[in-house]
Amino acid sequence: MTDDLKKQIESKQGSQGFIKVTDNPVQDLNDQQKVALNRKANALFNEGKIDMAERIFITTGYSDGLTRVGDAYAAKDEYLKALKLYLLAHNKRKSDPLIEKLSGVVSAMLK
């Protein structure tokens, strides 16, 4: 990505960015509740109920679960959904290549 394009994107996105993400899982959950919810979400994920698992993983802030749901979206070419979850999981190894890919698409569209 060119520096000029980076500057254009940064100037347009504002402080919130293009994708709304939150770093704040529900704080009122104790460890036992989080474990129980994450187990339920894992079961839902394994049953193919990705959207339900996603909601629970976002609630608990479970980064491995968020990454797995992001991988499921990426496999279905739903890159913005995948990127949101990778960012929530603080998974730069997964988010950075996706950002590069999406910025290439935006760059091609701007030409």
PDB file of N, CA and C in Angstrom:
ATOM      1  N   MET A   1       0.861  -1.166   0.000  1.00  0.00           N
ATOM      2  CA  MET A   1       0.000   0.000   0.000  1.00  0.00           C
ATOM      3  C   MET A   1       0.906   1.227   0.000  1.00  0.00           C
ATOM      4  N   THR A   2       0.572   2.194  -0.814  1.00  0.00           N
ATOM      5  CA  THR A   2       1.386   3.394  -0.899  1.00  0.00           C
ATOM      6  C   THR A   2       1.146   4.281   0.318  1.00  0.00           C
ATOM      7  N   ASP A   3       2.154   5.082   0.630  1.00  0.00           N
ATOM      8  CA  ASP A   3       2.024   5.993   1.772  1.00  0.00           C
ATOM      9  C   ASP A   3       0.911   7.004   1.547  1.00  0.00           C
ATOM     10  N   ASP A   4       0.745   7.439   0.294  1.00  0.00           N
ATOM     11  CA  ASP A   4      -0.313   8.395  -0.027  1.00  0.00           C
ATOM     12  C   ASP A   4      -1.690   7.802   0.262  1.00  0.00           C
ATOM     13  N   LEU A   5      -1.897   6.544  -0.138  1.00  0.00           N
ATOM     14  CA  LEU A   5      -3.180   5.885   0.120  1.00  0.00           C
ATOM     15  C   LEU A   5      -3.401   5.718   1.619  1.00  0.00           C
ATOM     16  N   LYS A   6      -2.345   5.341   2.336  1.00  0.00           N
ATOM     17  CA  LYS A   6      -2.456   5.199   3.792  1.00  0.00           C
ATOM     18  C   LYS A   6      -2.912   6.510   4.425  1.00  0.00           C
ATOM     19  N   LYS A   7      -2.308   7.606   4.002  1.00  0.00           N
ATOM     20  CA  LYS A   7      -2.663   8.917   4.549  1.00  0.00           C
ATOM     21  C   LYS A   7      -4.106   9.282   4.216  1.00  0.00           C
ATOM     22  N   GLN A   8      -4.544   8.968   2.994  1.00  0.00           N
ATOM     23  CA  GLN A   8      -5.927   9.254   2.603  1.00  0.00           C
ATOM     24  C   GLN A   8      -6.905   8.468   3.463  1.00  0.00           C
ATOM     25  N   ILE A   9      -6.613   7.198   3.665  1.00  0.00           N
ATOM     26  CA  ILE A   9      -7.501   6.352   4.471  1.00  0.00           C
ATOM     27  C   ILE A   9      -7.543   6.851   5.907  1.00  0.00           C
ATOM     28  N   GLU A  10      -6.377   7.133   6.484  1.00  0.00           N
ATOM     29  CA  GLU A  10      -6.327   7.601   7.864  1.00  0.00           C
ATOM     30  C   GLU A  10      -7.062   8.922   8.033  1.00  0.00           C
ATOM     31  N   SER A  11      -6.986   9.798   7.043  1.00  0.00           N
ATOM     32  CA  SER A  11      -7.665  11.094   7.165  1.00  0.00           C
ATOM     33  C   SER A  11      -9.179  10.954   7.070  1.00  0.00           C
ATOM     34  N   LYS A  12      -9.664   9.938   6.382  1.00  0.00           N
ATOM     35  CA  LYS A  12     -11.103   9.750   6.198  1.00  0.00           C
ATOM     36  C   LYS A  12     -11.765   8.956   7.313  1.00  0.00           C
ATOM     37  N   GLN A  13     -11.008   8.105   7.988  1.00  0.00           N
ATOM     38  CA  GLN A  13     -11.650   7.185   8.928  1.00  0.00           C
ATOM     39  C   GLN A  13     -11.974   7.794  10.283  1.00  0.00           C
ATOM     40  N   GLY A  14     -11.353   8.876  10.653  1.00  0.00           N
ATOM     41  CA  GLY A  14     -11.637   9.466  11.955  1.00  0.00           C
ATOM     42  C   GLY A  14     -11.053   8.633  13.078  1.00  0.00           C
ATOM     43  N   SER A  15     -11.444   8.933  14.288  1.00  0.00           N
ATOM     44  CA  SER A  15     -10.867   8.238  15.440  1.00  0.00           C
ATOM     45  C   SER A  15     -11.456   6.858  15.654  1.00  0.00           C
ATOM     46  N   GLN A  16     -12.642   6.598  15.134  1.00  0.00           N
ATOM     47  CA  GLN A  16     -13.299   5.309  15.345  1.00  0.00           C
ATOM     48  C   GLN A  16     -12.876   4.255  14.339  1.00  0.00           C
ATOM     49  N   GLY A  17     -12.328   4.640  13.198  1.00  0.00           N
ATOM     50  CA  GLY A  17     -11.981   3.673  12.171  1.00  0.00           C
ATOM     51  C   GLY A  17     -13.195   3.291  11.343  1.00  0.00           C
ATOM     52  N   PHE A  18     -12.993   2.353  10.437  1.00  0.00           N
ATOM     53  CA  PHE A  18     -14.068   1.916   9.551  1.00  0.00           C
ATOM     54  C   PHE A  18     -14.937   0.846  10.188  1.00  0.00           C
ATOM     55  N   ILE A  19     -14.376   0.100  11.105  1.00  0.00           N
ATOM     56  CA  ILE A  19     -15.091  -1.013  11.720  1.00  0.00           C
ATOM     57  C   ILE A  19     -15.241  -0.715  13.201  1.00  0.00           C
ATOM     58  N   LYS A  20     -16.455  -0.782  13.689  1.00  0.00           N
ATOM     59  CA  LYS A  20     -16.684  -0.544  15.104  1.00  0.00           C
ATOM     60  C   LYS A  20     -16.307  -1.802  15.877  1.00  0.00           C
ATOM     61  N   VAL A  21     -15.363  -1.647  16.769  1.00  0.00           N
ATOM     62  CA  VAL A  21     -14.946  -2.761  17.614  1.00  0.00           C
ATOM     63  C   VAL A  21     -14.926  -2.288  19.054  1.00  0.00           C
ATOM     64  N   THR A  22     -15.004  -3.215  19.958  1.00  0.00           N
ATOM     65  CA  THR A  22     -14.919  -2.887  21.369  1.00  0.00           C
ATOM     66  C   THR A  22     -13.937  -3.816  22.035  1.00  0.00           C
ATOM     67  N   ASP A  23     -13.167  -3.292  22.953  1.00  0.00           N
ATOM     68  CA  ASP A  23     -12.224  -4.102  23.709  1.00  0.00           C
ATOM     69  C   ASP A  23     -12.791  -4.483  25.061  1.00  0.00           C
ATOM     70  N   ASN A  24     -14.029  -4.168  25.298  1.00  0.00           N
ATOM     71  CA  ASN A  24     -14.584  -4.340  26.630  1.00  0.00           C
ATOM     72  C   ASN A  24     -15.599  -5.473  26.695  1.00  0.00           C
ATOM     73  N   PRO A  25     -15.129  -6.696  26.996  1.00  0.00           N
ATOM     74  CA  PRO A  25     -16.106  -7.751  27.247  1.00  0.00           C
ATOM     75  C   PRO A  25     -16.880  -7.418  28.524  1.00  0.00           C
ATOM     76  N   VAL A  26     -17.962  -8.106  28.749  1.00  0.00           N
ATOM     77  CA  VAL A  26     -18.774  -7.851  29.936  1.00  0.00           C
ATOM     78  C   VAL A  26     -17.914  -8.068  31.183  1.00  0.00           C
ATOM     79  N   GLN A  27     -17.823  -7.044  32.013  1.00  0.00           N
ATOM     80  CA  GLN A  27     -16.951  -7.093  33.186  1.00  0.00           C
ATOM     81  C   GLN A  27     -17.581  -7.811  34.368  1.00  0.00           C
ATOM     82  N   ASP A  28     -18.895  -7.955  34.365  1.00  0.00           N
ATOM     83  CA  ASP A  28     -19.579  -8.540  35.514  1.00  0.00           C
ATOM     84  C   ASP A  28     -19.497 -10.059  35.560  1.00  0.00           C
ATOM     85  N   LEU A  29     -18.904 -10.682  34.551  1.00  0.00           N
ATOM     86  CA  LEU A  29     -18.804 -12.139  34.538  1.00  0.00           C
ATOM     87  C   LEU A  29     -17.602 -12.589  35.363  1.00  0.00           C
ATOM     88  N   ASN A  30     -17.831 -13.594  36.216  1.00  0.00           N
ATOM     89  CA  ASN A  30     -16.686 -14.161  36.930  1.00  0.00           C
ATOM     90  C   ASN A  30     -16.057 -15.246  36.058  1.00  0.00           C
ATOM     91  N   ASP A  31     -14.936 -15.794  36.515  1.00  0.00           N
ATOM     92  CA  ASP A  31     -14.212 -16.777  35.713  1.00  0.00           C
ATOM     93  C   ASP A  31     -15.048 -18.015  35.415  1.00  0.00           C
ATOM     94  N   GLN A  32     -15.812 -18.472  36.385  1.00  0.00           N
ATOM     95  CA  GLN A  32     -16.642 -19.664  36.171  1.00  0.00           C
ATOM     96  C   GLN A  32     -17.703 -19.413  35.104  1.00  0.00           C
ATOM     97  N   GLN A  33     -18.297 -18.245  35.139  1.00  0.00           N
ATOM     98  CA  GLN A  33     -19.311 -17.906  34.141  1.00  0.00           C
ATOM     99  C   GLN A  33     -18.696 -17.832  32.743  1.00  0.00           C
ATOM    100  N   LYS A  34     -17.504 -17.227  32.652  1.00  0.00           N
ATOM    101  CA  LYS A  34     -16.828 -17.136  31.360  1.00  0.00           C
ATOM    102  C   LYS A  34     -16.510 -18.521  30.811  1.00  0.00           C
ATOM    103  N   VAL A  35     -16.013 -19.396  31.670  1.00  0.00           N
ATOM    104  CA  VAL A  35     -15.683 -20.755  31.235  1.00  0.00           C
ATOM    105  C   VAL A  35     -16.930 -21.462  30.723  1.00  0.00           C
ATOM    106  N   ALA A  36     -18.026 -21.348  31.463  1.00  0.00           N
ATOM    107  CA  ALA A  36     -19.271 -22.007  31.056  1.00  0.00           C
ATOM    108  C   ALA A  36     -19.776 -21.446  29.724  1.00  0.00           C
ATOM    109  N   LEU A  37     -19.731 -20.129  29.579  1.00  0.00           N
ATOM    110  CA  LEU A  37     -20.180 -19.513  28.329  1.00  0.00           C
ATOM    111  C   LEU A  37     -19.275 -19.897  27.156  1.00  0.00           C
ATOM    112  N   ASN A  38     -17.964 -19.915  27.393  1.00  0.00           N
ATOM    113  CA  ASN A  38     -17.045 -20.287  26.318  1.00  0.00           C
ATOM    114  C   ASN A  38     -17.240 -21.737  25.893  1.00  0.00           C
ATOM    115  N   ARG A  39     -17.523 -22.620  26.846  1.00  0.00           N
ATOM    116  CA  ARG A  39     -17.811 -24.019  26.494  1.00  0.00           C
ATOM    117  C   ARG A  39     -19.072 -24.105  25.644  1.00  0.00           C
ATOM    118  N   LYS A  40     -20.085 -23.350  26.023  1.00  0.00           N
ATOM    119  CA  LYS A  40     -21.333 -23.329  25.253  1.00  0.00           C
ATOM    120  C   LYS A  40     -21.068 -22.796  23.842  1.00  0.00           C
ATOM    121  N   ALA A  41     -20.286 -21.727  23.759  1.00  0.00           N
ATOM    122  CA  ALA A  41     -19.966 -21.146  22.455  1.00  0.00           C
ATOM    123  C   ALA A  41     -19.158 -22.123  21.601  1.00  0.00           C
ATOM    124  N   ASN A  42     -18.226 -22.842  22.211  1.00  0.00           N
ATOM    125  CA  ASN A  42     -17.458 -23.841  21.465  1.00  0.00           C
ATOM    126  C   ASN A  42     -18.377 -24.918  20.906  1.00  0.00           C
ATOM    127  N   ALA A  43     -19.339 -25.355  21.708  1.00  0.00           N
ATOM    128  CA  ALA A  43     -20.296 -26.368  21.250  1.00  0.00           C
ATOM    129  C   ALA A  43     -21.125 -25.820  20.089  1.00  0.00           C
ATOM    130  N   LEU A  44     -21.581 -24.587  20.215  1.00  0.00           N
ATOM    131  CA  LEU A  44     -22.357 -23.962  19.138  1.00  0.00           C
ATOM    132  C   LEU A  44     -21.520 -23.837  17.863  1.00  0.00           C
ATOM    133  N   PHE A  45     -20.280 -23.435  18.031  1.00  0.00           N
ATOM    134  CA  PHE A  45     -19.381 -23.299  16.881  1.00  0.00           C
ATOM    135  C   PHE A  45     -19.222 -24.645  16.177  1.00  0.00           C
ATOM    136  N   ASN A  46     -19.004 -25.695  16.959  1.00  0.00           N
ATOM    137  CA  ASN A  46     -18.827 -27.034  16.392  1.00  0.00           C
ATOM    138  C   ASN A  46     -20.090 -27.546  15.712  1.00  0.00           C
ATOM    139  N   GLU A  47     -21.244 -27.051  16.132  1.00  0.00           N
ATOM    140  CA  GLU A  47     -22.520 -27.412  15.501  1.00  0.00           C
ATOM    141  C   GLU A  47     -22.794 -26.568  14.256  1.00  0.00           C
ATOM    142  N   GLY A  48     -21.911 -25.622  13.974  1.00  0.00           N
ATOM    143  CA  GLY A  48     -22.091 -24.763  12.804  1.00  0.00           C
ATOM    144  C   GLY A  48     -22.906 -23.517  13.071  1.00  0.00           C
ATOM    145  N   LYS A  49     -23.223 -23.255  14.323  1.00  0.00           N
ATOM    146  CA  LYS A  49     -24.004 -22.064  14.686  1.00  0.00           C
ATOM    147  C   LYS A  49     -23.034 -20.917  14.988  1.00  0.00           C
ATOM    148  N   ILE A  50     -22.380 -20.477  13.923  1.00  0.00           N
ATOM    149  CA  ILE A  50     -21.287 -19.512  14.039  1.00  0.00           C
ATOM    150  C   ILE A  50     -21.754 -18.189  14.631  1.00  0.00           C
ATOM    151  N   ASP A  51     -22.898 -17.685  14.187  1.00  0.00           N
ATOM    152  CA  ASP A  51     -23.370 -16.374  14.657  1.00  0.00           C
ATOM    153  C   ASP A  51     -23.673 -16.385  16.153  1.00  0.00           C
ATOM    154  N   MET A  52     -24.222 -17.486  16.648  1.00  0.00           N
ATOM    155  CA  MET A  52     -24.510 -17.574  18.084  1.00  0.00           C
ATOM    156  C   MET A  52     -23.213 -17.672  18.885  1.00  0.00           C
ATOM    157  N   ALA A  53     -22.268 -18.448  18.380  1.00  0.00           N
ATOM    158  CA  ALA A  53     -20.970 -18.569  19.047  1.00  0.00           C
ATOM    159  C   ALA A  53     -20.257 -17.219  19.065  1.00  0.00           C
ATOM    160  N   GLU A  54     -20.347 -16.497  17.958  1.00  0.00           N
ATOM    161  CA  GLU A  54     -19.717 -15.179  17.864  1.00  0.00           C
ATOM    162  C   GLU A  54     -20.221 -14.247  18.963  1.00  0.00           C
ATOM    163  N   ARG A  55     -21.515 -14.206  19.161  1.00  0.00           N
ATOM    164  CA  ARG A  55     -22.094 -13.314  20.176  1.00  0.00           C
ATOM    165  C   ARG A  55     -21.549 -13.632  21.565  1.00  0.00           C
ATOM    166  N   ILE A  56     -21.427 -14.913  21.865  1.00  0.00           N
ATOM    167  CA  ILE A  56     -20.919 -15.297  23.190  1.00  0.00           C
ATOM    168  C   ILE A  56     -19.441 -14.954  23.311  1.00  0.00           C
ATOM    169  N   PHE A  57     -18.648 -15.263  22.281  1.00  0.00           N
ATOM    170  CA  PHE A  57     -17.215 -14.967  22.339  1.00  0.00           C
ATOM    171  C   PHE A  57     -16.965 -13.466  22.473  1.00  0.00           C
ATOM    172  N   ILE A  58     -17.779 -12.646  21.823  1.00  0.00           N
ATOM    173  CA  ILE A  58     -17.638 -11.196  21.980  1.00  0.00           C
ATOM    174  C   ILE A  58     -17.970 -10.796  23.413  1.00  0.00           C
ATOM    175  N   THR A  59     -19.004 -11.398  23.977  1.00  0.00           N
ATOM    176  CA  THR A  59     -19.406 -11.090  25.353  1.00  0.00           C
ATOM    177  C   THR A  59     -18.307 -11.429  26.347  1.00  0.00           C
ATOM    178  N   THR A  60     -17.663 -12.586  26.151  1.00  0.00           N
ATOM    179  CA  THR A  60     -16.634 -13.022  27.099  1.00  0.00           C
ATOM    180  C   THR A  60     -15.252 -12.484  26.757  1.00  0.00           C
ATOM    181  N   GLY A  61     -15.062 -12.052  25.513  1.00  0.00           N
ATOM    182  CA  GLY A  61     -13.757 -11.559  25.095  1.00  0.00           C
ATOM    183  C   GLY A  61     -12.748 -12.661  24.854  1.00  0.00           C
ATOM    184  N   TYR A  62     -13.213 -13.870  24.580  1.00  0.00           N
ATOM    185  CA  TYR A  62     -12.339 -15.036  24.400  1.00  0.00           C
ATOM    186  C   TYR A  62     -11.648 -14.951  23.040  1.00  0.00           C
ATOM    187  N   SER A  63     -10.361 -14.622  23.057  1.00  0.00           N
ATOM    188  CA  SER A  63      -9.653 -14.318  21.813  1.00  0.00           C
ATOM    189  C   SER A  63      -9.518 -15.523  20.886  1.00  0.00           C
ATOM    190  N   ASP A  64      -9.304 -16.710  21.433  1.00  0.00           N
ATOM    191  CA  ASP A  64      -9.189 -17.885  20.568  1.00  0.00           C
ATOM    192  C   ASP A  64     -10.509 -18.142  19.841  1.00  0.00           C
ATOM    193  N   GLY A  65     -11.604 -18.005  20.550  1.00  0.00           N
ATOM    194  CA  GLY A  65     -12.913 -18.185  19.928  1.00  0.00           C
ATOM    195  C   GLY A  65     -13.186 -17.128  18.874  1.00  0.00           C
ATOM    196  N   LEU A  66     -12.835 -15.888  19.171  1.00  0.00           N
ATOM    197  CA  LEU A  66     -13.019 -14.807  18.201  1.00  0.00           C
ATOM    198  C   LEU A  66     -12.209 -15.071  16.933  1.00  0.00           C
ATOM    199  N   THR A  67     -10.994 -15.571  17.112  1.00  0.00           N
ATOM    200  CA  THR A  67     -10.140 -15.879  15.967  1.00  0.00           C
ATOM    201  C   THR A  67     -10.728 -17.010  15.133  1.00  0.00           C
ATOM    202  N   ARG A  68     -11.234 -18.047  15.788  1.00  0.00           N
ATOM    203  CA  ARG A  68     -11.820 -19.169  15.046  1.00  0.00           C
ATOM    204  C   ARG A  68     -13.060 -18.740  14.267  1.00  0.00           C
ATOM    205  N   VAL A  69     -13.873 -17.890  14.866  1.00  0.00           N
ATOM    206  CA  VAL A  69     -15.045 -17.379  14.143  1.00  0.00           C
ATOM    207  C   VAL A  69     -14.580 -16.502  12.974  1.00  0.00           C
ATOM    208  N   GLY A  70     -13.558 -15.690  13.208  1.00  0.00           N
ATOM    209  CA  GLY A  70     -12.990 -14.893  12.117  1.00  0.00           C
ATOM    210  C   GLY A  70     -12.486 -15.767  10.981  1.00  0.00           C
ATOM    211  N   ASP A  71     -11.840 -16.879  11.318  1.00  0.00           N
ATOM    212  CA  ASP A  71     -11.370 -17.820  10.297  1.00  0.00           C
ATOM    213  C   ASP A  71     -12.540 -18.390   9.496  1.00  0.00           C
ATOM    214  N   ALA A  72     -13.643 -18.674  10.188  1.00  0.00           N
ATOM    215  CA  ALA A  72     -14.828 -19.210   9.504  1.00  0.00           C
ATOM    216  C   ALA A  72     -15.376 -18.183   8.515  1.00  0.00           C
ATOM    217  N   TYR A  73     -15.410 -16.917   8.920  1.00  0.00           N
ATOM    218  CA  TYR A  73     -15.877 -15.871   8.010  1.00  0.00           C
ATOM    219  C   TYR A  73     -14.911 -15.692   6.837  1.00  0.00           C
ATOM    220  N   ALA A  74     -13.612 -15.723   7.120  1.00  0.00           N
ATOM    221  CA  ALA A  74     -12.623 -15.572   6.047  1.00  0.00           C
ATOM    222  C   ALA A  74     -12.743 -16.709   5.035  1.00  0.00           C
ATOM    223  N   ALA A  75     -13.032 -17.907   5.507  1.00  0.00           N
ATOM    224  CA  ALA A  75     -13.198 -19.056   4.610  1.00  0.00           C
ATOM    225  C   ALA A  75     -14.401 -18.874   3.691  1.00  0.00           C
ATOM    226  N   LYS A  76     -15.374 -18.073   4.134  1.00  0.00           N
ATOM    227  CA  LYS A  76     -16.567 -17.791   3.321  1.00  0.00           C
ATOM    228  C   LYS A  76     -16.424 -16.463   2.566  1.00  0.00           C
ATOM    229  N   ASP A  77     -15.192 -15.939   2.509  1.00  0.00           N
ATOM    230  CA  ASP A  77     -14.894 -14.670   1.829  1.00  0.00           C
ATOM    231  C   ASP A  77     -15.633 -13.481   2.429  1.00  0.00           C
ATOM    232  N   GLU A  78     -15.954 -13.541   3.697  1.00  0.00           N
ATOM    233  CA  GLU A  78     -16.581 -12.417   4.406  1.00  0.00           C
ATOM    234  C   GLU A  78     -15.479 -11.709   5.199  1.00  0.00           C
ATOM    235  N   TYR A  79     -14.632 -10.981   4.450  1.00  0.00           N
ATOM    236  CA  TYR A  79     -13.401 -10.456   5.018  1.00  0.00           C
ATOM    237  C   TYR A  79     -13.605  -9.342   6.037  1.00  0.00           C
ATOM    238  N   LEU A  80     -14.603  -8.497   5.860  1.00  0.00           N
ATOM    239  CA  LEU A  80     -14.824  -7.436   6.847  1.00  0.00           C
ATOM    240  C   LEU A  80     -15.278  -8.009   8.187  1.00  0.00           C
ATOM    241  N   LYS A  81     -16.144  -9.012   8.150  1.00  0.00           N
ATOM    242  CA  LYS A  81     -16.556  -9.664   9.393  1.00  0.00           C
ATOM    243  C   LYS A  81     -15.360 -10.336  10.051  1.00  0.00           C
ATOM    244  N   ALA A  82     -14.541 -10.994   9.239  1.00  0.00           N
ATOM    245  CA  ALA A  82     -13.348 -11.656   9.768  1.00  0.00           C
ATOM    246  C   ALA A  82     -12.409 -10.633  10.398  1.00  0.00           C
ATOM    247  N   LEU A  83     -12.204  -9.522   9.715  1.00  0.00           N
ATOM    248  CA  LEU A  83     -11.304  -8.489  10.224  1.00  0.00           C
ATOM    249  C   LEU A  83     -11.791  -7.948  11.562  1.00  0.00           C
ATOM    250  N   LYS A  84     -13.070  -7.706  11.675  1.00  0.00           N
ATOM    251  CA  LYS A  84     -13.625  -7.208  12.941  1.00  0.00           C
ATOM    252  C   LYS A  84     -13.271  -8.157  14.085  1.00  0.00           C
ATOM    253  N   LEU A  85     -13.439  -9.446  13.861  1.00  0.00           N
ATOM    254  CA  LEU A  85     -13.180 -10.413  14.928  1.00  0.00           C
ATOM    255  C   LEU A  85     -11.693 -10.540  15.222  1.00  0.00           C
ATOM    256  N   TYR A  86     -10.854 -10.484  14.202  1.00  0.00           N
ATOM    257  CA  TYR A  86      -9.410 -10.520  14.436  1.00  0.00           C
ATOM    258  C   TYR A  86      -8.965  -9.302  15.248  1.00  0.00           C
ATOM    259  N   LEU A  87      -9.555  -8.149  14.956  1.00  0.00           N
ATOM    260  CA  LEU A  87      -9.212  -6.949  15.720  1.00  0.00           C
ATOM    261  C   LEU A  87      -9.686  -7.067  17.164  1.00  0.00           C
ATOM    262  N   LEU A  88     -10.874  -7.605  17.368  1.00  0.00           N
ATOM    263  CA  LEU A  88     -11.364  -7.813  18.734  1.00  0.00           C
ATOM    264  C   LEU A  88     -10.477  -8.782  19.501  1.00  0.00           C
ATOM    265  N   ALA A  89      -9.926  -9.763  18.790  1.00  0.00           N
ATOM    266  CA  ALA A  89      -9.066 -10.766  19.420  1.00  0.00           C
ATOM    267  C   ALA A  89      -7.627 -10.270  19.573  1.00  0.00           C
ATOM    268  N   HIS A  90      -7.349  -9.081  19.074  1.00  0.00           N
ATOM    269  CA  HIS A  90      -5.988  -8.525  19.084  1.00  0.00           C
ATOM    270  C   HIS A  90      -5.020  -9.464  18.373  1.00  0.00           C
ATOM    271  N   ASN A  91      -5.461 -10.047  17.266  1.00  0.00           N
ATOM    272  CA  ASN A  91      -4.669 -11.011  16.515  1.00  0.00           C
ATOM    273  C   ASN A  91      -4.079 -10.321  15.284  1.00  0.00           C
ATOM    274  N   LYS A  92      -2.923  -9.694  15.479  1.00  0.00           N
ATOM    275  CA  LYS A  92      -2.277  -8.954  14.391  1.00  0.00           C
ATOM    276  C   LYS A  92      -1.780  -9.883  13.291  1.00  0.00           C
ATOM    277  N   ARG A  93      -1.427 -11.104  13.646  1.00  0.00           N
ATOM    278  CA  ARG A  93      -0.940 -12.059  12.649  1.00  0.00           C
ATOM    279  C   ARG A  93      -2.019 -12.343  11.605  1.00  0.00           C
ATOM    280  N   LYS A  94      -3.276 -12.317  12.024  1.00  0.00           N
ATOM    281  CA  LYS A  94      -4.390 -12.552  11.099  1.00  0.00           C
ATOM    282  C   LYS A  94      -4.920 -11.244  10.506  1.00  0.00           C
ATOM    283  N   SER A  95      -4.950 -10.182  11.306  1.00  0.00           N
ATOM    284  CA  SER A  95      -5.560  -8.933  10.829  1.00  0.00           C
ATOM    285  C   SER A  95      -4.672  -8.177   9.844  1.00  0.00           C
ATOM    286  N   ASP A  96      -3.369  -8.161  10.065  1.00  0.00           N
ATOM    287  CA  ASP A  96      -2.491  -7.378   9.190  1.00  0.00           C
ATOM    288  C   ASP A  96      -2.543  -7.820   7.724  1.00  0.00           C
ATOM    289  N   PRO A  97      -2.440  -9.131   7.419  1.00  0.00           N
ATOM    290  CA  PRO A  97      -2.546  -9.520   6.002  1.00  0.00           C
ATOM    291  C   PRO A  97      -3.917  -9.187   5.398  1.00  0.00           C
ATOM    292  N   LEU A  98      -4.952  -9.277   6.213  1.00  0.00           N
ATOM    293  CA  LEU A  98      -6.293  -8.965   5.725  1.00  0.00           C
ATOM    294  C   LEU A  98      -6.435  -7.469   5.450  1.00  0.00           C
ATOM    295  N   ILE A  99      -5.836  -6.655   6.293  1.00  0.00           N
ATOM    296  CA  ILE A  99      -5.839  -5.205   6.068  1.00  0.00           C
ATOM    297  C   ILE A  99      -5.121  -4.886   4.762  1.00  0.00           C
ATOM    298  N   GLU A 100      -3.989  -5.539   4.527  1.00  0.00           N
ATOM    299  CA  GLU A 100      -3.258  -5.330   3.276  1.00  0.00           C
ATOM    300  C   GLU A 100      -4.112  -5.725   2.071  1.00  0.00           C
ATOM    301  N   LYS A 101      -4.782  -6.862   2.186  1.00  0.00           N
ATOM    302  CA  LYS A 101      -5.630  -7.347   1.089  1.00  0.00           C
ATOM    303  C   LYS A 101      -6.771  -6.367   0.810  1.00  0.00           C
ATOM    304  N   LEU A 102      -7.444  -5.931   1.872  1.00  0.00           N
ATOM    305  CA  LEU A 102      -8.570  -5.011   1.708  1.00  0.00           C
ATOM    306  C   LEU A 102      -8.107  -3.643   1.212  1.00  0.00           C
ATOM    307  N   SER A 103      -6.937  -3.210   1.663  1.00  0.00           N
ATOM    308  CA  SER A 103      -6.438  -1.915   1.190  1.00  0.00           C
ATOM    309  C   SER A 103      -6.077  -1.988  -0.291  1.00  0.00           C
ATOM    310  N   GLY A 104      -5.639  -3.163  -0.754  1.00  0.00           N
ATOM    311  CA  GLY A 104      -5.383  -3.342  -2.182  1.00  0.00           C
ATOM    312  C   GLY A 104      -6.655  -3.224  -2.994  1.00  0.00           C
ATOM    313  N   VAL A 105      -7.741  -3.763  -2.459  1.00  0.00           N
ATOM    314  CA  VAL A 105      -9.039  -3.667  -3.134  1.00  0.00           C
ATOM    315  C   VAL A 105      -9.485  -2.207  -3.205  1.00  0.00           C
ATOM    316  N   VAL A 106      -9.363  -1.509  -2.080  1.00  0.00           N
ATOM    317  CA  VAL A 106      -9.752  -0.094  -2.047  1.00  0.00           C
ATOM    318  C   VAL A 106      -8.882   0.710  -3.004  1.00  0.00           C
ATOM    319  N   SER A 107      -7.594   0.419  -3.014  1.00  0.00           N
ATOM    320  CA  SER A 107      -6.674   1.121  -3.905  1.00  0.00           C
ATOM    321  C   SER A 107      -7.059   0.920  -5.366  1.00  0.00           C
ATOM    322  N   ALA A 108      -7.403  -0.312  -5.720  1.00  0.00           N
ATOM    323  CA  ALA A 108      -7.808  -0.600  -7.100  1.00  0.00           C
ATOM    324  C   ALA A 108      -9.100   0.132  -7.454  1.00  0.00           C
ATOM    325  N   MET A 109     -10.000   0.250  -6.491  1.00  0.00           N
ATOM    326  CA  MET A 109     -11.269   0.937  -6.739  1.00  0.00           C
ATOM    327  C   MET A 109     -11.068   2.437  -6.924  1.00  0.00           C
ATOM    328  N   LEU A 110     -10.065   2.993  -6.262  1.00  0.00           N
ATOM    329  CA  LEU A 110      -9.822   4.432  -6.345  1.00  0.00           C
ATOM    330  C   LEU A 110      -9.115   4.840  -7.633  1.00  0.00           C
ATOM    331  N   LYS A 111      -8.544   3.877  -8.335  1.00  0.00           N
ATOM    332  CA  LYS A 111      -7.810   4.202  -9.571  1.00  0.00           C
ATOM    333  C   LYS A 111      -8.746   4.439 -10.721  1.00  0.00           C
TER     334      LYS A 111
END
